[in-house]
Amino acid sequence: MSHNPEFILQVASVAYLNGKLGEGKKAIQVSRPFPELFDHDGRQRFTHIAQGRDKREGFFLKMMGLRRGIYDMFFWPRQGFLWMDFKVDSRLSKDQEAFGWNMREMDIPCHTPGSVKQFSDILVAHGLKRTHDMIIEPDLRSWEKKVDDAIAWGAP
């Protein structure tokens, strides 16, 4: 599993949309907080945009028409389109800034949540109705930071 905090945040946000709180075997299933993001058959009204993680994959995706700077996730609820790119301690690239500007020029909102709570609040601000406020934030610390914190916690 990746230790990239933005990857962890996006996975936690999608799990939250699916009503899964917590991680692994300790996770509990609750109702979906935004049922409007699923159609009557349970299919989600959002998707991740696959982007090349290495030069070879990027080459083929570019040949297929993918452009640089596309945000991580696209949503299409009845309230209108919405783009999100998960950011933790980082900034948008110039290509992402240009993409966001182009979308906002067409009145399509673009956001960069840094937590599951911010992600949820953005959906509410977009007009979706939240059915509950149960959120468990993922631990975004690196493995090294977790070890350092555990050692510091046990120190006299």
C-alpha atoms as a PDB file:
ATOM      1  CA  MET A   1       0.000   0.000   0.000  1.00  0.00           C
ATOM      2  CA  SER A   2       1.227   3.481  -0.783  1.00  0.00           C
ATOM      3  CA  HIS A   3       2.423   5.776   1.977  1.00  0.00           C
ATOM      4  CA  ASN A   4       1.480   8.785  -0.133  1.00  0.00           C
ATOM      5  CA  PRO A   5      -0.817  10.807   2.173  1.00  0.00           C
ATOM      6  CA  GLU A   6      -2.926  12.066  -0.743  1.00  0.00           C
ATOM      7  CA  PHE A   7      -3.545   8.473  -1.869  1.00  0.00           C
ATOM      8  CA  ILE A   8      -4.499   7.501   1.705  1.00  0.00           C
ATOM      9  CA  LEU A   9      -6.826  10.524   1.997  1.00  0.00           C
ATOM     10  CA  GLN A  10      -8.566   9.752  -1.304  1.00  0.00           C
ATOM     11  CA  VAL A  11      -9.046   6.079  -0.403  1.00  0.00           C
ATOM     12  CA  ALA A  12     -10.432   7.099   3.022  1.00  0.00           C
ATOM     13  CA  SER A  13     -12.794   9.613   1.364  1.00  0.00           C
ATOM     14  CA  VAL A  14     -14.168   7.012  -1.057  1.00  0.00           C
ATOM     15  CA  ALA A  15     -14.543   4.512   1.808  1.00  0.00           C
ATOM     16  CA  TYR A  16     -16.447   7.232   3.716  1.00  0.00           C
ATOM     17  CA  LEU A  17     -18.791   7.722   0.726  1.00  0.00           C
ATOM     18  CA  ASN A  18     -19.423   3.972   0.735  1.00  0.00           C
ATOM     19  CA  GLY A  19     -20.286   4.037   4.454  1.00  0.00           C
ATOM     20  CA  LYS A  20     -17.075   2.410   5.699  1.00  0.00           C
ATOM     21  CA  LEU A  21     -15.597   3.997   8.832  1.00  0.00           C
ATOM     22  CA  GLY A  22     -12.094   3.100   9.952  1.00  0.00           C
ATOM     23  CA  GLU A  23      -9.468   0.910   8.359  1.00  0.00           C
ATOM     24  CA  GLY A  24      -8.980  -2.811   7.814  1.00  0.00           C
ATOM     25  CA  LYS A  25     -10.585  -5.333  10.150  1.00  0.00           C
ATOM     26  CA  LYS A  26     -11.527  -2.583  12.624  1.00  0.00           C
ATOM     27  CA  ALA A  27     -13.716  -0.808  10.056  1.00  0.00           C
ATOM     28  CA  ILE A  28     -17.454  -0.658  10.607  1.00  0.00           C
ATOM     29  CA  GLN A  29     -20.158  -0.362   7.966  1.00  0.00           C
ATOM     30  CA  VAL A  30     -22.718   2.430   8.343  1.00  0.00           C
ATOM     31  CA  SER A  31     -25.169   4.046   5.947  1.00  0.00           C
ATOM     32  CA  ARG A  32     -23.792   6.074   3.060  1.00  0.00           C
ATOM     33  CA  PRO A  33     -23.540   9.728   4.115  1.00  0.00           C
ATOM     34  CA  PHE A  34     -24.461  11.022   0.633  1.00  0.00           C
ATOM     35  CA  PRO A  35     -26.961   8.623  -0.988  1.00  0.00           C
ATOM     36  CA  GLU A  36     -27.393  11.136  -3.838  1.00  0.00           C
ATOM     37  CA  LEU A  37     -23.942  10.080  -5.081  1.00  0.00           C
ATOM     38  CA  PHE A  38     -25.352   6.652  -5.993  1.00  0.00           C
ATOM     39  CA  ASP A  39     -28.043   5.825  -8.537  1.00  0.00           C
ATOM     40  CA  HIS A  40     -31.048   3.555  -7.887  1.00  0.00           C
ATOM     41  CA  ASP A  41     -28.921   0.465  -8.705  1.00  0.00           C
ATOM     42  CA  GLY A  42     -26.178   1.497  -6.279  1.00  0.00           C
ATOM     43  CA  ARG A  43     -23.729   2.595  -8.965  1.00  0.00           C
ATOM     44  CA  GLN A  44     -21.613   5.517  -7.862  1.00  0.00           C
ATOM     45  CA  ARG A  45     -21.925   8.944  -9.467  1.00  0.00           C
ATOM     46  CA  PHE A  46     -18.212   9.686  -9.127  1.00  0.00           C
ATOM     47  CA  THR A  47     -14.968   8.284 -10.468  1.00  0.00           C
ATOM     48  CA  HIS A  48     -11.222   8.498 -10.083  1.00  0.00           C
ATOM     49  CA  ILE A  49      -9.347   9.731 -13.143  1.00  0.00           C
ATOM     50  CA  ALA A  50      -6.435   7.348 -13.738  1.00  0.00           C
ATOM     51  CA  GLN A  51      -3.231   9.229 -14.429  1.00  0.00           C
ATOM     52  CA  GLY A  52       0.167   7.871 -15.400  1.00  0.00           C
ATOM     53  CA  ARG A  53       2.462   7.208 -12.461  1.00  0.00           C
ATOM     54  CA  ASP A  54       5.507   6.512 -14.630  1.00  0.00           C
ATOM     55  CA  LYS A  55       6.724   7.664 -18.061  1.00  0.00           C
ATOM     56  CA  ARG A  56       5.581   4.527 -19.903  1.00  0.00           C
ATOM     57  CA  GLU A  57       2.043   4.596 -18.508  1.00  0.00           C
ATOM     58  CA  GLY A  58       1.869   8.371 -19.002  1.00  0.00           C
ATOM     59  CA  PHE A  59       2.940   7.965 -22.636  1.00  0.00           C
ATOM     60  CA  PHE A  60       0.067   5.586 -23.411  1.00  0.00           C
ATOM     61  CA  LEU A  61      -2.518   7.605 -21.477  1.00  0.00           C
ATOM     62  CA  LYS A  62      -1.448  10.722 -23.374  1.00  0.00           C
ATOM     63  CA  MET A  63      -1.909   8.824 -26.663  1.00  0.00           C
ATOM     64  CA  MET A  64      -5.436   7.963 -25.458  1.00  0.00           C
ATOM     65  CA  GLY A  65      -6.220  11.652 -24.904  1.00  0.00           C
ATOM     66  CA  LEU A  66      -5.513  12.220 -21.194  1.00  0.00           C
ATOM     67  CA  ARG A  67      -4.115  15.665 -20.555  1.00  0.00           C
ATOM     68  CA  ARG A  68      -1.883  16.779 -17.715  1.00  0.00           C
ATOM     69  CA  GLY A  69      -3.406  18.570 -14.747  1.00  0.00           C
ATOM     70  CA  ILE A  70      -6.747  16.730 -14.537  1.00  0.00           C
ATOM     71  CA  TYR A  71      -8.032  16.608 -10.952  1.00  0.00           C
ATOM     72  CA  ASP A  72      -8.165  13.250  -9.126  1.00  0.00           C
ATOM     73  CA  MET A  73     -11.938  12.764  -8.955  1.00  0.00           C
ATOM     74  CA  PHE A  74     -15.001  13.756 -10.943  1.00  0.00           C
ATOM     75  CA  PHE A  75     -18.544  13.829  -9.497  1.00  0.00           C
ATOM     76  CA  TRP A  76     -21.853  14.108 -11.355  1.00  0.00           C
ATOM     77  CA  PRO A  77     -24.703  14.342  -8.820  1.00  0.00           C
ATOM     78  CA  ARG A  78     -27.999  15.929  -9.831  1.00  0.00           C
ATOM     79  CA  GLN A  79     -26.738  19.201  -8.321  1.00  0.00           C
ATOM     80  CA  GLY A  80     -24.136  19.520 -11.103  1.00  0.00           C
ATOM     81  CA  PHE A  81     -20.602  18.532 -11.974  1.00  0.00           C
ATOM     82  CA  LEU A  82     -17.741  18.833  -9.486  1.00  0.00           C
ATOM     83  CA  TRP A  83     -13.992  18.127  -9.555  1.00  0.00           C
ATOM     84  CA  MET A  84     -11.747  17.402  -6.552  1.00  0.00           C
ATOM     85  CA  ASP A  85      -8.020  16.929  -6.134  1.00  0.00           C
ATOM     86  CA  PHE A  86      -6.854  15.719  -2.725  1.00  0.00           C
ATOM     87  CA  LYS A  87      -3.942  17.729  -1.334  1.00  0.00           C
ATOM     88  CA  VAL A  88      -2.009  17.211   1.896  1.00  0.00           C
ATOM     89  CA  ASP A  89       0.859  19.635   2.473  1.00  0.00           C
ATOM     90  CA  SER A  90       1.274  20.291  -1.245  1.00  0.00           C
ATOM     91  CA  ARG A  91       0.101  22.681  -3.906  1.00  0.00           C
ATOM     92  CA  LEU A  92      -1.564  22.315  -7.272  1.00  0.00           C
ATOM     93  CA  SER A  93       0.781  22.032 -10.241  1.00  0.00           C
ATOM     94  CA  LYS A  94       0.646  24.712 -12.927  1.00  0.00           C
ATOM     95  CA  ASP A  95      -1.255  22.280 -15.148  1.00  0.00           C
ATOM     96  CA  GLN A  96      -3.784  21.639 -12.342  1.00  0.00           C
ATOM     97  CA  GLU A  97      -4.176  25.373 -11.741  1.00  0.00           C
ATOM     98  CA  ALA A  98      -4.892  25.856 -15.462  1.00  0.00           C
ATOM     99  CA  PHE A  99      -7.383  22.964 -15.479  1.00  0.00           C
ATOM    100  CA  GLY A 100      -9.183  24.396 -12.417  1.00  0.00           C
ATOM    101  CA  TRP A 101      -9.310  27.834 -14.000  1.00  0.00           C
ATOM    102  CA  ASN A 102     -10.781  26.368 -17.223  1.00  0.00           C
ATOM    103  CA  MET A 103     -13.437  24.431 -15.285  1.00  0.00           C
ATOM    104  CA  ARG A 104     -14.411  27.411 -13.114  1.00  0.00           C
ATOM    105  CA  GLU A 105     -14.682  29.503 -16.283  1.00  0.00           C
ATOM    106  CA  MET A 106     -17.471  27.058 -17.270  1.00  0.00           C
ATOM    107  CA  ASP A 107     -19.015  27.306 -13.754  1.00  0.00           C
ATOM    108  CA  ILE A 108     -17.822  23.816 -12.788  1.00  0.00           C
ATOM    109  CA  PRO A 109     -16.500  23.895  -9.209  1.00  0.00           C
ATOM    110  CA  CYS A 110     -13.026  22.546  -8.416  1.00  0.00           C
ATOM    111  CA  HIS A 111     -11.842  21.905  -4.852  1.00  0.00           C
ATOM    112  CA  THR A 112      -8.775  20.580  -3.043  1.00  0.00           C
ATOM    113  CA  PRO A 113      -9.806  18.978   0.258  1.00  0.00           C
ATOM    114  CA  GLY A 114      -7.066  18.145   2.765  1.00  0.00           C
ATOM    115  CA  SER A 115      -9.186  15.946   5.044  1.00  0.00           C
ATOM    116  CA  VAL A 116     -12.258  13.711   4.909  1.00  0.00           C
ATOM    117  CA  LYS A 117     -14.148  16.383   6.893  1.00  0.00           C
ATOM    118  CA  GLN A 118     -13.272  19.076   4.322  1.00  0.00           C
ATOM    119  CA  PHE A 119     -14.288  16.660   1.545  1.00  0.00           C
ATOM    120  CA  SER A 120     -17.660  16.080   3.229  1.00  0.00           C
ATOM    121  CA  ASP A 121     -18.204  19.805   3.846  1.00  0.00           C
ATOM    122  CA  ILE A 122     -17.475  20.587   0.171  1.00  0.00           C
ATOM    123  CA  LEU A 123     -20.191  18.124  -0.895  1.00  0.00           C
ATOM    124  CA  VAL A 124     -22.650  19.775   1.516  1.00  0.00           C
ATOM    125  CA  ALA A 125     -21.723  23.228   0.172  1.00  0.00           C
ATOM    126  CA  HIS A 126     -22.392  21.850  -3.336  1.00  0.00           C
ATOM    127  CA  GLY A 127     -25.985  21.118  -2.265  1.00  0.00           C
ATOM    128  CA  LEU A 128     -25.836  17.448  -1.302  1.00  0.00           C
ATOM    129  CA  LYS A 129     -27.613  16.371   1.872  1.00  0.00           C
ATOM    130  CA  ARG A 130     -25.450  14.597   4.453  1.00  0.00           C
ATOM    131  CA  THR A 131     -27.325  11.856   6.340  1.00  0.00           C
ATOM    132  CA  HIS A 132     -24.836  11.617   9.224  1.00  0.00           C
ATOM    133  CA  ASP A 133     -21.679  13.253  10.574  1.00  0.00           C
ATOM    134  CA  MET A 134     -19.668  10.133  11.420  1.00  0.00           C
ATOM    135  CA  ILE A 135     -16.163  10.656  10.058  1.00  0.00           C
ATOM    136  CA  ILE A 136     -12.920   8.923  10.975  1.00  0.00           C
ATOM    137  CA  GLU A 137      -9.870  10.708   9.610  1.00  0.00           C
ATOM    138  CA  PRO A 138      -7.025   8.508   8.345  1.00  0.00           C
ATOM    139  CA  ASP A 139      -3.611   8.689  10.000  1.00  0.00           C
ATOM    140  CA  LEU A 140      -1.555  10.484   7.347  1.00  0.00           C
ATOM    141  CA  ARG A 141       1.767  10.315   9.207  1.00  0.00           C
ATOM    142  CA  SER A 142       4.647   8.420   7.602  1.00  0.00           C
ATOM    143  CA  TRP A 143       5.706   5.111   9.136  1.00  0.00           C
ATOM    144  CA  GLU A 144       8.858   6.793  10.470  1.00  0.00           C
ATOM    145  CA  LYS A 145       6.790   9.542  12.123  1.00  0.00           C
ATOM    146  CA  LYS A 146       4.492   6.945  13.726  1.00  0.00           C
ATOM    147  CA  VAL A 147       7.527   5.112  15.168  1.00  0.00           C
ATOM    148  CA  ASP A 148       9.052   8.379  16.419  1.00  0.00           C
ATOM    149  CA  ASP A 149       5.739   9.351  18.053  1.00  0.00           C
ATOM    150  CA  ALA A 150       5.421   5.919  19.700  1.00  0.00           C
ATOM    151  CA  ILE A 151       8.954   6.178  21.087  1.00  0.00           C
ATOM    152  CA  ALA A 152       8.329   9.732  22.333  1.00  0.00           C
ATOM    153  CA  TRP A 153       5.038   8.653  23.933  1.00  0.00           C
ATOM    154  CA  GLY A 154       6.828   5.929  25.922  1.00  0.00           C
ATOM    155  CA  ALA A 155       9.773   8.121  26.968  1.00  0.00           C
ATOM    156  CA  PRO A 156       9.925   9.248  30.620  1.00  0.00           C
END
